[in-house]
Amino acid sequence: VQLQASGGGLVQPGESLRLSCAASKMTHTLEYMGWHRQAPGKQRELVAEIDNLGNIQYADSVKGRFEITRNGSKNAVDLHMNNLKPDDTAVFYCNARGQLNSWKYDFWGLGTLVTVSS
């Protein structure tokens, strides 16, 4: 399975950005798909995650500003980020995890940099 992410870039505070991630070479519907981020000098943290039933969780710091959506049939997920703040500056990573029978999986995409600066 390969996770291909896109959409990072440089934006000003208050602006919006959308990140997209699609999984290839996977016929099984991935159980959980989400986004994590790692800011300079900080640990990687969960930003948002959605399961194949549509259940969603967000980090407290992004609630009300970010929205995660999923196209389950295509194993693709988008992160719509609004009202971006300088503290949102980080490398964002797409993640897919779950279990299929006895096989547990946990895939990561290459990071995409989001910079929020005036």
PDB file of N, CA and C in Angstrom:
ATOM      1  N   VAL A   1       0.843  -1.194   0.000  1.00  0.00           N
ATOM      2  CA  VAL A   1       0.000   0.000   0.000  1.00  0.00           C
ATOM      3  C   VAL A   1       0.880   1.245   0.000  1.00  0.00           C
ATOM      4  N   GLN A   2       0.524   2.177  -0.839  1.00  0.00           N
ATOM      5  CA  GLN A   2       1.224   3.456  -0.876  1.00  0.00           C
ATOM      6  C   GLN A   2       0.219   4.560  -0.592  1.00  0.00           C
ATOM      7  N   LEU A   3       0.601   5.479   0.260  1.00  0.00           N
ATOM      8  CA  LEU A   3      -0.221   6.640   0.552  1.00  0.00           C
ATOM      9  C   LEU A   3       0.414   7.850  -0.098  1.00  0.00           C
ATOM     10  N   GLN A   4      -0.332   8.486  -0.973  1.00  0.00           N
ATOM     11  CA  GLN A   4       0.194   9.638  -1.697  1.00  0.00           C
ATOM     12  C   GLN A   4      -0.549  10.880  -1.221  1.00  0.00           C
ATOM     13  N   ALA A   5       0.208  11.782  -0.650  1.00  0.00           N
ATOM     14  CA  ALA A   5      -0.370  13.001  -0.100  1.00  0.00           C
ATOM     15  C   ALA A   5       0.019  14.201  -0.938  1.00  0.00           C
ATOM     16  N   SER A   6      -0.863  15.187  -0.923  1.00  0.00           N
ATOM     17  CA  SER A   6      -0.586  16.417  -1.658  1.00  0.00           C
ATOM     18  C   SER A   6      -1.330  17.567  -1.001  1.00  0.00           C
ATOM     19  N   GLY A   7      -0.931  18.782  -1.358  1.00  0.00           N
ATOM     20  CA  GLY A   7      -1.697  19.943  -0.928  1.00  0.00           C
ATOM     21  C   GLY A   7      -1.015  20.871   0.047  1.00  0.00           C
ATOM     22  N   GLY A   8       0.164  20.551   0.489  1.00  0.00           N
ATOM     23  CA  GLY A   8       0.834  21.448   1.414  1.00  0.00           C
ATOM     24  C   GLY A   8       1.282  22.731   0.741  1.00  0.00           C
ATOM     25  N   GLY A   9       1.732  23.668   1.537  1.00  0.00           N
ATOM     26  CA  GLY A   9       2.216  24.912   0.981  1.00  0.00           C
ATOM     27  C   GLY A   9       2.324  26.004   2.014  1.00  0.00           C
ATOM     28  N   LEU A  10       2.547  27.204   1.531  1.00  0.00           N
ATOM     29  CA  LEU A  10       2.697  28.385   2.383  1.00  0.00           C
ATOM     30  C   LEU A  10       1.434  29.227   2.295  1.00  0.00           C
ATOM     31  N   VAL A  11       0.834  29.510   3.439  1.00  0.00           N
ATOM     32  CA  VAL A  11      -0.349  30.362   3.485  1.00  0.00           C
ATOM     33  C   VAL A  11      -0.195  31.379   4.606  1.00  0.00           C
ATOM     34  N   GLN A  12      -1.023  32.401   4.555  1.00  0.00           N
ATOM     35  CA  GLN A  12      -1.015  33.412   5.603  1.00  0.00           C
ATOM     36  C   GLN A  12      -2.018  33.033   6.696  1.00  0.00           C
ATOM     37  N   PRO A  13      -1.835  33.541   7.880  1.00  0.00           N
ATOM     38  CA  PRO A  13      -2.800  33.272   8.961  1.00  0.00           C
ATOM     39  C   PRO A  13      -4.213  33.641   8.534  1.00  0.00           C
ATOM     40  N   GLY A  14      -5.151  32.766   8.892  1.00  0.00           N
ATOM     41  CA  GLY A  14      -6.542  32.996   8.532  1.00  0.00           C
ATOM     42  C   GLY A  14      -6.958  32.367   7.211  1.00  0.00           C
ATOM     43  N   GLU A  15      -6.009  31.956   6.438  1.00  0.00           N
ATOM     44  CA  GLU A  15      -6.331  31.354   5.144  1.00  0.00           C
ATOM     45  C   GLU A  15      -6.628  29.862   5.294  1.00  0.00           C
ATOM     46  N   SER A  16      -7.020  29.256   4.166  1.00  0.00           N
ATOM     47  CA  SER A  16      -7.411  27.846   4.152  1.00  0.00           C
ATOM     48  C   SER A  16      -6.499  27.041   3.239  1.00  0.00           C
ATOM     49  N   LEU A  17      -6.497  25.749   3.483  1.00  0.00           N
ATOM     50  CA  LEU A  17      -5.692  24.846   2.678  1.00  0.00           C
ATOM     51  C   LEU A  17      -6.348  23.468   2.745  1.00  0.00           C
ATOM     52  N   ARG A  18      -6.229  22.709   1.682  1.00  0.00           N
ATOM     53  CA  ARG A  18      -6.755  21.348   1.685  1.00  0.00           C
ATOM     54  C   ARG A  18      -5.633  20.367   1.390  1.00  0.00           C
ATOM     55  N   LEU A  19      -5.535  19.365   2.230  1.00  0.00           N
ATOM     56  CA  LEU A  19      -4.605  18.267   2.008  1.00  0.00           C
ATOM     57  C   LEU A  19      -5.392  17.056   1.517  1.00  0.00           C
ATOM     58  N   SER A  20      -4.807  16.336   0.586  1.00  0.00           N
ATOM     59  CA  SER A  20      -5.444  15.138   0.050  1.00  0.00           C
ATOM     60  C   SER A  20      -4.502  13.950   0.173  1.00  0.00           C
ATOM     61  N   CYS A  21      -5.084  12.794   0.372  1.00  0.00           N
ATOM     62  CA  CYS A  21      -4.291  11.568   0.485  1.00  0.00           C
ATOM     63  C   CYS A  21      -5.081  10.433  -0.137  1.00  0.00           C
ATOM     64  N   ALA A  22      -4.418   9.649  -0.946  1.00  0.00           N
ATOM     65  CA  ALA A  22      -5.067   8.504  -1.564  1.00  0.00           C
ATOM     66  C   ALA A  22      -4.170   7.284  -1.421  1.00  0.00           C
ATOM     67  N   ALA A  23      -4.791   6.164  -1.122  1.00  0.00           N
ATOM     68  CA  ALA A  23      -4.064   4.904  -0.989  1.00  0.00           C
ATOM     69  C   ALA A  23      -4.158   4.128  -2.288  1.00  0.00           C
ATOM     70  N   SER A  24      -3.046   3.600  -2.690  1.00  0.00           N
ATOM     71  CA  SER A  24      -3.034   2.793  -3.908  1.00  0.00           C
ATOM     72  C   SER A  24      -2.653   1.359  -3.558  1.00  0.00           C
ATOM     73  N   LYS A  25      -2.916   0.470  -4.484  1.00  0.00           N
ATOM     74  CA  LYS A  25      -2.553  -0.942  -4.338  1.00  0.00           C
ATOM     75  C   LYS A  25      -3.198  -1.567  -3.114  1.00  0.00           C
ATOM     76  N   MET A  26      -4.464  -1.215  -2.874  1.00  0.00           N
ATOM     77  CA  MET A  26      -5.175  -1.781  -1.742  1.00  0.00           C
ATOM     78  C   MET A  26      -6.612  -2.023  -2.147  1.00  0.00           C
ATOM     79  N   THR A  27      -7.031  -3.267  -2.156  1.00  0.00           N
ATOM     80  CA  THR A  27      -8.410  -3.574  -2.533  1.00  0.00           C
ATOM     81  C   THR A  27      -9.338  -3.557  -1.320  1.00  0.00           C
ATOM     82  N   HIS A  28      -8.779  -3.712  -0.136  1.00  0.00           N
ATOM     83  CA  HIS A  28      -9.553  -3.701   1.105  1.00  0.00           C
ATOM     84  C   HIS A  28      -9.839  -2.258   1.518  1.00  0.00           C
ATOM     85  N   THR A  29     -11.039  -1.994   2.014  1.00  0.00           N
ATOM     86  CA  THR A  29     -11.345  -0.660   2.531  1.00  0.00           C
ATOM     87  C   THR A  29     -10.601  -0.460   3.834  1.00  0.00           C
ATOM     88  N   LEU A  30      -9.710   0.498   3.834  1.00  0.00           N
ATOM     89  CA  LEU A  30      -8.890   0.764   5.001  1.00  0.00           C
ATOM     90  C   LEU A  30      -9.759   1.167   6.182  1.00  0.00           C
ATOM     91  N   GLU A  31      -9.444   0.629   7.345  1.00  0.00           N
ATOM     92  CA  GLU A  31     -10.294   0.828   8.507  1.00  0.00           C
ATOM     93  C   GLU A  31     -10.251   2.265   9.008  1.00  0.00           C
ATOM     94  N   TYR A  32      -9.088   2.779   9.256  1.00  0.00           N
ATOM     95  CA  TYR A  32      -8.907   4.156   9.712  1.00  0.00           C
ATOM     96  C   TYR A  32      -7.989   4.888   8.740  1.00  0.00           C
ATOM     97  N   MET A  33      -8.366   6.098   8.411  1.00  0.00           N
ATOM     98  CA  MET A  33      -7.477   6.987   7.662  1.00  0.00           C
ATOM     99  C   MET A  33      -7.449   8.332   8.369  1.00  0.00           C
ATOM    100  N   GLY A  34      -6.286   8.928   8.373  1.00  0.00           N
ATOM    101  CA  GLY A  34      -6.206  10.197   9.079  1.00  0.00           C
ATOM    102  C   GLY A  34      -4.947  10.966   8.777  1.00  0.00           C
ATOM    103  N   TRP A  35      -4.813  12.058   9.505  1.00  0.00           N
ATOM    104  CA  TRP A  35      -3.657  12.941   9.368  1.00  0.00           C
ATOM    105  C   TRP A  35      -3.023  13.182  10.724  1.00  0.00           C
ATOM    106  N   HIS A  36      -1.722  13.115  10.740  1.00  0.00           N
ATOM    107  CA  HIS A  36      -0.931  13.484  11.892  1.00  0.00           C
ATOM    108  C   HIS A  36      -0.026  14.628  11.466  1.00  0.00           C
ATOM    109  N   ARG A  37       0.549  15.308  12.428  1.00  0.00           N
ATOM    110  CA  ARG A  37       1.502  16.369  12.091  1.00  0.00           C
ATOM    111  C   ARG A  37       2.625  16.412  13.108  1.00  0.00           C
ATOM    112  N   GLN A  38       3.731  16.942  12.641  1.00  0.00           N
ATOM    113  CA  GLN A  38       4.883  17.106  13.522  1.00  0.00           C
ATOM    114  C   GLN A  38       5.479  18.483  13.294  1.00  0.00           C
ATOM    115  N   ALA A  39       5.394  19.298  14.315  1.00  0.00           N
ATOM    116  CA  ALA A  39       5.970  20.637  14.263  1.00  0.00           C
ATOM    117  C   ALA A  39       7.432  20.562  14.691  1.00  0.00           C
ATOM    118  N   PRO A  40       8.228  21.540  14.300  1.00  0.00           N
ATOM    119  CA  PRO A  40       9.644  21.531  14.677  1.00  0.00           C
ATOM    120  C   PRO A  40       9.833  21.421  16.187  1.00  0.00           C
ATOM    121  N   GLY A  41      10.638  20.465  16.599  1.00  0.00           N
ATOM    122  CA  GLY A  41      10.933  20.287  18.010  1.00  0.00           C
ATOM    123  C   GLY A  41       9.838  19.639  18.819  1.00  0.00           C
ATOM    124  N   LYS A  42       8.791  19.163  18.152  1.00  0.00           N
ATOM    125  CA  LYS A  42       7.672  18.555  18.876  1.00  0.00           C
ATOM    126  C   LYS A  42       7.433  17.139  18.380  1.00  0.00           C
ATOM    127  N   GLN A  43       6.680  16.382  19.169  1.00  0.00           N
ATOM    128  CA  GLN A  43       6.351  15.028  18.776  1.00  0.00           C
ATOM    129  C   GLN A  43       5.221  15.027  17.751  1.00  0.00           C
ATOM    130  N   ARG A  44       5.165  13.977  17.014  1.00  0.00           N
ATOM    131  CA  ARG A  44       4.080  13.813  16.066  1.00  0.00           C
ATOM    132  C   ARG A  44       2.766  13.630  16.834  1.00  0.00           C
ATOM    133  N   GLU A  45       1.724  14.277  16.330  1.00  0.00           N
ATOM    134  CA  GLU A  45       0.439  14.202  17.004  1.00  0.00           C
ATOM    135  C   GLU A  45      -0.680  13.954  16.006  1.00  0.00           C
ATOM    136  N   LEU A  46      -1.736  13.332  16.499  1.00  0.00           N
ATOM    137  CA  LEU A  46      -2.914  13.108  15.677  1.00  0.00           C
ATOM    138  C   LEU A  46      -3.641  14.426  15.462  1.00  0.00           C
ATOM    139  N   VAL A  47      -4.006  14.694  14.215  1.00  0.00           N
ATOM    140  CA  VAL A  47      -4.793  15.878  13.892  1.00  0.00           C
ATOM    141  C   VAL A  47      -6.264  15.498  13.733  1.00  0.00           C
ATOM    142  N   ALA A  48      -6.512  14.522  12.884  1.00  0.00           N
ATOM    143  CA  ALA A  48      -7.881  14.080  12.632  1.00  0.00           C
ATOM    144  C   ALA A  48      -7.845  12.677  12.050  1.00  0.00           C
ATOM    145  N   GLU A  49      -8.866  11.914  12.377  1.00  0.00           N
ATOM    146  CA  GLU A  49      -8.948  10.547  11.892  1.00  0.00           C
ATOM    147  C   GLU A  49     -10.400  10.176  11.665  1.00  0.00           C
ATOM    148  N   ILE A  50     -10.633   9.386  10.617  1.00  0.00           N
ATOM    149  CA  ILE A  50     -11.990   8.947  10.305  1.00  0.00           C
ATOM    150  C   ILE A  50     -11.962   7.462  10.007  1.00  0.00           C
ATOM    151  N   ASP A  51     -12.943   6.732  10.522  1.00  0.00           N
ATOM    152  CA  ASP A  51     -12.953   5.300  10.244  1.00  0.00           C
ATOM    153  C   ASP A  51     -13.909   4.988   9.089  1.00  0.00           C
ATOM    154  N   ASN A  52     -13.995   3.724   8.753  1.00  0.00           N
ATOM    155  CA  ASN A  52     -14.791   3.350   7.579  1.00  0.00           C
ATOM    156  C   ASN A  52     -16.289   3.396   7.833  1.00  0.00           C
ATOM    157  N   LEU A  53     -16.684   3.740   9.065  1.00  0.00           N
ATOM    158  CA  LEU A  53     -18.088   3.948   9.369  1.00  0.00           C
ATOM    159  C   LEU A  53     -18.421   5.427   9.455  1.00  0.00           C
ATOM    160  N   GLY A  54     -17.414   6.262   9.283  1.00  0.00           N
ATOM    161  CA  GLY A  54     -17.634   7.695   9.327  1.00  0.00           C
ATOM    162  C   GLY A  54     -17.430   8.332  10.684  1.00  0.00           C
ATOM    163  N   ASN A  55     -16.975   7.568  11.651  1.00  0.00           N
ATOM    164  CA  ASN A  55     -16.688   8.134  12.970  1.00  0.00           C
ATOM    165  C   ASN A  55     -15.399   8.945  12.897  1.00  0.00           C
ATOM    166  N   ILE A  56     -15.407  10.106  13.529  1.00  0.00           N
ATOM    167  CA  ILE A  56     -14.311  11.060  13.396  1.00  0.00           C
ATOM    168  C   ILE A  56     -13.824  11.497  14.766  1.00  0.00           C
ATOM    169  N   GLN A  57     -12.532  11.700  14.850  1.00  0.00           N
ATOM    170  CA  GLN A  57     -11.982  12.366  16.024  1.00  0.00           C
ATOM    171  C   GLN A  57     -11.001  13.434  15.571  1.00  0.00           C
ATOM    172  N   TYR A  58     -10.987  14.525  16.325  1.00  0.00           N
ATOM    173  CA  TYR A  58     -10.102  15.648  16.045  1.00  0.00           C
ATOM    174  C   TYR A  58      -9.259  15.973  17.270  1.00  0.00           C
ATOM    175  N   ALA A  59      -8.093  16.519  17.018  1.00  0.00           N
ATOM    176  CA  ALA A  59      -7.329  17.102  18.110  1.00  0.00           C
ATOM    177  C   ALA A  59      -8.072  18.341  18.593  1.00  0.00           C
ATOM    178  N   ASP A  60      -8.011  18.595  19.877  1.00  0.00           N
ATOM    179  CA  ASP A  60      -8.721  19.754  20.425  1.00  0.00           C
ATOM    180  C   ASP A  60      -8.290  21.057  19.742  1.00  0.00           C
ATOM    181  N   SER A  61      -7.043  21.130  19.370  1.00  0.00           N
ATOM    182  CA  SER A  61      -6.502  22.369  18.809  1.00  0.00           C
ATOM    183  C   SER A  61      -7.058  22.704  17.430  1.00  0.00           C
ATOM    184  N   VAL A  62      -7.686  21.739  16.778  1.00  0.00           N
ATOM    185  CA  VAL A  62      -8.196  21.987  15.417  1.00  0.00           C
ATOM    186  C   VAL A  62      -9.710  21.902  15.327  1.00  0.00           C
ATOM    187  N   LYS A  63     -10.365  21.535  16.406  1.00  0.00           N
ATOM    188  CA  LYS A  63     -11.826  21.419  16.382  1.00  0.00           C
ATOM    189  C   LYS A  63     -12.449  22.749  15.983  1.00  0.00           C
ATOM    190  N   GLY A  64     -13.401  22.687  15.069  1.00  0.00           N
ATOM    191  CA  GLY A  64     -14.069  23.883  14.602  1.00  0.00           C
ATOM    192  C   GLY A  64     -13.359  24.572  13.452  1.00  0.00           C
ATOM    193  N   ARG A  65     -12.134  24.167  13.179  1.00  0.00           N
ATOM    194  CA  ARG A  65     -11.375  24.791  12.081  1.00  0.00           C
ATOM    195  C   ARG A  65     -11.056  23.797  10.968  1.00  0.00           C
ATOM    196  N   PHE A  66     -10.803  22.559  11.335  1.00  0.00           N
ATOM    197  CA  PHE A  66     -10.434  21.538  10.360  1.00  0.00           C
ATOM    198  C   PHE A  66     -11.593  20.559  10.180  1.00  0.00           C
ATOM    199  N   GLU A  67     -11.693  20.037   8.968  1.00  0.00           N
ATOM    200  CA  GLU A  67     -12.692  19.013   8.693  1.00  0.00           C
ATOM    201  C   GLU A  67     -12.048  17.899   7.871  1.00  0.00           C
ATOM    202  N   ILE A  68     -12.271  16.676   8.295  1.00  0.00           N
ATOM    203  CA  ILE A  68     -11.745  15.537   7.550  1.00  0.00           C
ATOM    204  C   ILE A  68     -12.904  14.862   6.834  1.00  0.00           C
ATOM    205  N   THR A  69     -12.690  14.566   5.576  1.00  0.00           N
ATOM    206  CA  THR A  69     -13.700  13.873   4.786  1.00  0.00           C
ATOM    207  C   THR A  69     -13.054  12.676   4.106  1.00  0.00           C
ATOM    208  N   ARG A  70     -13.894  11.732   3.769  1.00  0.00           N
ATOM    209  CA  ARG A  70     -13.348  10.495   3.229  1.00  0.00           C
ATOM    210  C   ARG A  70     -14.207   9.962   2.094  1.00  0.00           C
ATOM    211  N   ASN A  71     -13.527   9.475   1.061  1.00  0.00           N
ATOM    212  CA  ASN A  71     -14.181   8.744   0.000  1.00  0.00           C
ATOM    213  C   ASN A  71     -13.828   7.286   0.221  1.00  0.00           C
ATOM    214  N   GLY A  72     -14.664   6.602   0.970  1.00  0.00           N
ATOM    215  CA  GLY A  72     -14.318   5.253   1.397  1.00  0.00           C
ATOM    216  C   GLY A  72     -14.072   4.286   0.266  1.00  0.00           C
ATOM    217  N   SER A  73     -14.840   4.415  -0.806  1.00  0.00           N
ATOM    218  CA  SER A  73     -14.695   3.444  -1.889  1.00  0.00           C
ATOM    219  C   SER A  73     -13.355   3.585  -2.594  1.00  0.00           C
ATOM    220  N   LYS A  74     -12.746   4.740  -2.431  1.00  0.00           N
ATOM    221  CA  LYS A  74     -11.461   4.972  -3.086  1.00  0.00           C
ATOM    222  C   LYS A  74     -10.315   5.029  -2.089  1.00  0.00           C
ATOM    223  N   ASN A  75     -10.592   4.751  -0.825  1.00  0.00           N
ATOM    224  CA  ASN A  75      -9.535   4.839   0.184  1.00  0.00           C
ATOM    225  C   ASN A  75      -8.802   6.168   0.070  1.00  0.00           C
ATOM    226  N   ALA A  76      -9.551   7.240   0.066  1.00  0.00           N
ATOM    227  CA  ALA A  76      -8.972   8.575  -0.030  1.00  0.00           C
ATOM    228  C   ALA A  76      -9.540   9.452   1.078  1.00  0.00           C
ATOM    229  N   VAL A  77      -8.717  10.372   1.531  1.00  0.00           N
ATOM    230  CA  VAL A  77      -9.147  11.244   2.617  1.00  0.00           C
ATOM    231  C   VAL A  77      -8.620  12.649   2.374  1.00  0.00           C
ATOM    232  N   ASP A  78      -9.429  13.634   2.687  1.00  0.00           N
ATOM    233  CA  ASP A  78      -9.033  15.030   2.583  1.00  0.00           C
ATOM    234  C   ASP A  78      -9.083  15.682   3.960  1.00  0.00           C
ATOM    235  N   LEU A  79      -8.221  16.639   4.143  1.00  0.00           N
ATOM    236  CA  LEU A  79      -8.247  17.449   5.358  1.00  0.00           C
ATOM    237  C   LEU A  79      -8.434  18.898   4.937  1.00  0.00           C
ATOM    238  N   HIS A  80      -9.586  19.446   5.277  1.00  0.00           N
ATOM    239  CA  HIS A  80      -9.895  20.825   4.942  1.00  0.00           C
ATOM    240  C   HIS A  80      -9.518  21.683   6.151  1.00  0.00           C
ATOM    241  N   MET A  81      -8.556  22.537   5.961  1.00  0.00           N
ATOM    242  CA  MET A  81      -8.036  23.341   7.070  1.00  0.00           C
ATOM    243  C   MET A  81      -8.417  24.805   6.862  1.00  0.00           C
ATOM    244  N   ASN A  82      -9.148  25.341   7.804  1.00  0.00           N
ATOM    245  CA  ASN A  82      -9.609  26.726   7.728  1.00  0.00           C
ATOM    246  C   ASN A  82      -9.033  27.536   8.885  1.00  0.00           C
ATOM    247  N   ASN A  83      -9.023  28.841   8.699  1.00  0.00           N
ATOM    248  CA  ASN A  83      -8.526  29.737   9.739  1.00  0.00           C
ATOM    249  C   ASN A  83      -7.184  29.243  10.287  1.00  0.00           C
ATOM    250  N   LEU A  84      -6.269  29.014   9.394  1.00  0.00           N
ATOM    251  CA  LEU A  84      -4.969  28.484   9.795  1.00  0.00           C
ATOM    252  C   LEU A  84      -4.202  29.484  10.652  1.00  0.00           C
ATOM    253  N   LYS A  85      -3.451  28.935  11.593  1.00  0.00           N
ATOM    254  CA  LYS A  85      -2.676  29.735  12.521  1.00  0.00           C
ATOM    255  C   LYS A  85      -1.207  29.369  12.401  1.00  0.00           C
ATOM    256  N   PRO A  86      -0.323  30.265  12.804  1.00  0.00           N
ATOM    257  CA  PRO A  86       1.113  29.935  12.762  1.00  0.00           C
ATOM    258  C   PRO A  86       1.439  28.649  13.515  1.00  0.00           C
ATOM    259  N   ASP A  87       0.703  28.353  14.581  1.00  0.00           N
ATOM    260  CA  ASP A  87       0.944  27.123  15.338  1.00  0.00           C
ATOM    261  C   ASP A  87       0.590  25.866  14.554  1.00  0.00           C
ATOM    262  N   ASP A  88      -0.107  26.018  13.448  1.00  0.00           N
ATOM    263  CA  ASP A  88      -0.423  24.869  12.605  1.00  0.00           C
ATOM    264  C   ASP A  88       0.743  24.492  11.703  1.00  0.00           C
ATOM    265  N   THR A  89       1.768  25.300  11.671  1.00  0.00           N
ATOM    266  CA  THR A  89       2.937  24.998  10.858  1.00  0.00           C
ATOM    267  C   THR A  89       3.544  23.673  11.273  1.00  0.00           C
ATOM    268  N   ALA A  90       3.632  22.756  10.316  1.00  0.00           N
ATOM    269  CA  ALA A  90       4.136  21.416  10.626  1.00  0.00           C
ATOM    270  C   ALA A  90       4.242  20.616   9.338  1.00  0.00           C
ATOM    271  N   VAL A  91       4.885  19.483   9.453  1.00  0.00           N
ATOM    272  CA  VAL A  91       4.838  18.488   8.387  1.00  0.00           C
ATOM    273  C   VAL A  91       3.649  17.582   8.684  1.00  0.00           C
ATOM    274  N   PHE A  92       2.762  17.460   7.736  1.00  0.00           N
ATOM    275  CA  PHE A  92       1.562  16.656   7.898  1.00  0.00           C
ATOM    276  C   PHE A  92       1.761  15.309   7.206  1.00  0.00           C
ATOM    277  N   TYR A  93       1.350  14.257   7.904  1.00  0.00           N
ATOM    278  CA  TYR A  93       1.517  12.892   7.404  1.00  0.00           C
ATOM    279  C   TYR A  93       0.156  12.203   7.309  1.00  0.00           C
ATOM    280  N   CYS A  94      -0.067  11.581   6.187  1.00  0.00           N
ATOM    281  CA  CYS A  94      -1.256  10.760   6.022  1.00  0.00           C
ATOM    282  C   CYS A  94      -1.003   9.385   6.641  1.00  0.00           C
ATOM    283  N   ASN A  95      -2.020   8.835   7.260  1.00  0.00           N
ATOM    284  CA  ASN A  95      -1.876   7.535   7.928  1.00  0.00           C
ATOM    285  C   ASN A  95      -3.083   6.651   7.623  1.00  0.00           C
ATOM    286  N   ALA A  96      -2.830   5.392   7.489  1.00  0.00           N
ATOM    287  CA  ALA A  96      -3.912   4.409   7.349  1.00  0.00           C
ATOM    288  C   ALA A  96      -3.583   3.224   8.241  1.00  0.00           C
ATOM    289  N   ARG A  97      -4.534   2.823   9.043  1.00  0.00           N
ATOM    290  CA  ARG A  97      -4.274   1.713   9.974  1.00  0.00           C
ATOM    291  C   ARG A  97      -5.528   0.880  10.131  1.00  0.00           C
ATOM    292  N   GLY A  98      -5.335  -0.312  10.680  1.00  0.00           N
ATOM    293  CA  GLY A  98      -6.471  -1.170  10.941  1.00  0.00           C
ATOM    294  C   GLY A  98      -6.043  -2.612  11.038  1.00  0.00           C
ATOM    295  N   GLN A  99      -7.009  -3.471  10.907  1.00  0.00           N
ATOM    296  CA  GLN A  99      -6.737  -4.895  10.990  1.00  0.00           C
ATOM    297  C   GLN A  99      -7.639  -5.628  10.016  1.00  0.00           C
ATOM    298  N   LEU A 100      -7.059  -6.552   9.311  1.00  0.00           N
ATOM    299  CA  LEU A 100      -7.786  -7.395   8.379  1.00  0.00           C
ATOM    300  C   LEU A 100      -7.494  -8.837   8.747  1.00  0.00           C
ATOM    301  N   ASN A 101      -8.492  -9.490   9.300  1.00  0.00           N
ATOM    302  CA  ASN A 101      -8.295 -10.823   9.891  1.00  0.00           C
ATOM    303  C   ASN A 101      -7.183 -10.709  10.934  1.00  0.00           C
ATOM    304  N   SER A 102      -6.107 -11.430  10.798  1.00  0.00           N
ATOM    305  CA  SER A 102      -5.037 -11.376  11.792  1.00  0.00           C
ATOM    306  C   SER A 102      -3.933 -10.400  11.410  1.00  0.00           C
ATOM    307  N   TRP A 103      -4.094  -9.713  10.312  1.00  0.00           N
ATOM    308  CA  TRP A 103      -3.067  -8.796   9.828  1.00  0.00           C
ATOM    309  C   TRP A 103      -3.356  -7.375  10.286  1.00  0.00           C
ATOM    310  N   LYS A 104      -2.479  -6.866  11.112  1.00  0.00           N
ATOM    311  CA  LYS A 104      -2.568  -5.473  11.532  1.00  0.00           C
ATOM    312  C   LYS A 104      -1.686  -4.652  10.622  1.00  0.00           C
ATOM    313  N   TYR A 105      -2.202  -3.520  10.176  1.00  0.00           N
ATOM    314  CA  TYR A 105      -1.429  -2.662   9.299  1.00  0.00           C
ATOM    315  C   TYR A 105      -1.405  -1.229   9.810  1.00  0.00           C
ATOM    316  N   ASP A 106      -0.379  -0.532   9.413  1.00  0.00           N
ATOM    317  CA  ASP A 106      -0.165   0.852   9.845  1.00  0.00           C
ATOM    318  C   ASP A 106       0.748   1.495   8.807  1.00  0.00           C
ATOM    319  N   PHE A 107       0.151   2.216   7.862  1.00  0.00           N
ATOM    320  CA  PHE A 107       0.916   2.790   6.760  1.00  0.00           C
ATOM    321  C   PHE A 107       1.029   4.303   6.914  1.00  0.00           C
ATOM    322  N   TRP A 108       2.153   4.812   6.443  1.00  0.00           N
ATOM    323  CA  TRP A 108       2.399   6.252   6.491  1.00  0.00           C
ATOM    324  C   TRP A 108       2.810   6.763   5.123  1.00  0.00           C
ATOM    325  N   GLY A 109       2.308   7.911   4.786  1.00  0.00           N
ATOM    326  CA  GLY A 109       2.747   8.576   3.578  1.00  0.00           C
ATOM    327  C   GLY A 109       3.922   9.480   3.867  1.00  0.00           C
ATOM    328  N   LEU A 110       4.533   9.949   2.817  1.00  0.00           N
ATOM    329  CA  LEU A 110       5.572  10.957   2.985  1.00  0.00           C
ATOM    330  C   LEU A 110       4.912  12.246   3.456  1.00  0.00           C
ATOM    331  N   GLY A 111       5.574  12.987   4.244  1.00  0.00           N
ATOM    332  CA  GLY A 111       5.001  14.203   4.791  1.00  0.00           C
ATOM    333  C   GLY A 111       4.873  15.311   3.758  1.00  0.00           C
ATOM    334  N   THR A 112       3.931  16.185   4.030  1.00  0.00           N
ATOM    335  CA  THR A 112       3.764  17.384   3.213  1.00  0.00           C
ATOM    336  C   THR A 112       3.800  18.590   4.149  1.00  0.00           C
ATOM    337  N   LEU A 113       4.604  19.568   3.784  1.00  0.00           N
ATOM    338  CA  LEU A 113       4.838  20.701   4.676  1.00  0.00           C
ATOM    339  C   LEU A 113       3.755  21.760   4.541  1.00  0.00           C
ATOM    340  N   VAL A 114       3.235  22.169   5.676  1.00  0.00           N
ATOM    341  CA  VAL A 114       2.294  23.292   5.740  1.00  0.00           C
ATOM    342  C   VAL A 114       2.954  24.393   6.564  1.00  0.00           C
ATOM    343  N   THR A 115       3.081  25.551   5.967  1.00  0.00           N
ATOM    344  CA  THR A 115       3.682  26.691   6.649  1.00  0.00           C
ATOM    345  C   THR A 115       2.666  27.824   6.695  1.00  0.00           C
ATOM    346  N   VAL A 116       2.397  28.295   7.899  1.00  0.00           N
ATOM    347  CA  VAL A 116       1.456  29.401   8.079  1.00  0.00           C
ATOM    348  C   VAL A 116       2.245  30.586   8.610  1.00  0.00           C
ATOM    349  N   SER A 117       2.376  31.579   7.775  1.00  0.00           N
ATOM    350  CA  SER A 117       3.214  32.719   8.139  1.00  0.00           C
ATOM    351  C   SER A 117       2.790  33.951   7.355  1.00  0.00           C
ATOM    352  N   SER A 118       2.915  35.083   8.005  1.00  0.00           N
ATOM    353  CA  SER A 118       2.628  36.331   7.320  1.00  0.00           C
ATOM    354  C   SER A 118       3.899  36.933   6.746  1.00  0.00           C
TER     355      SER A 118
END
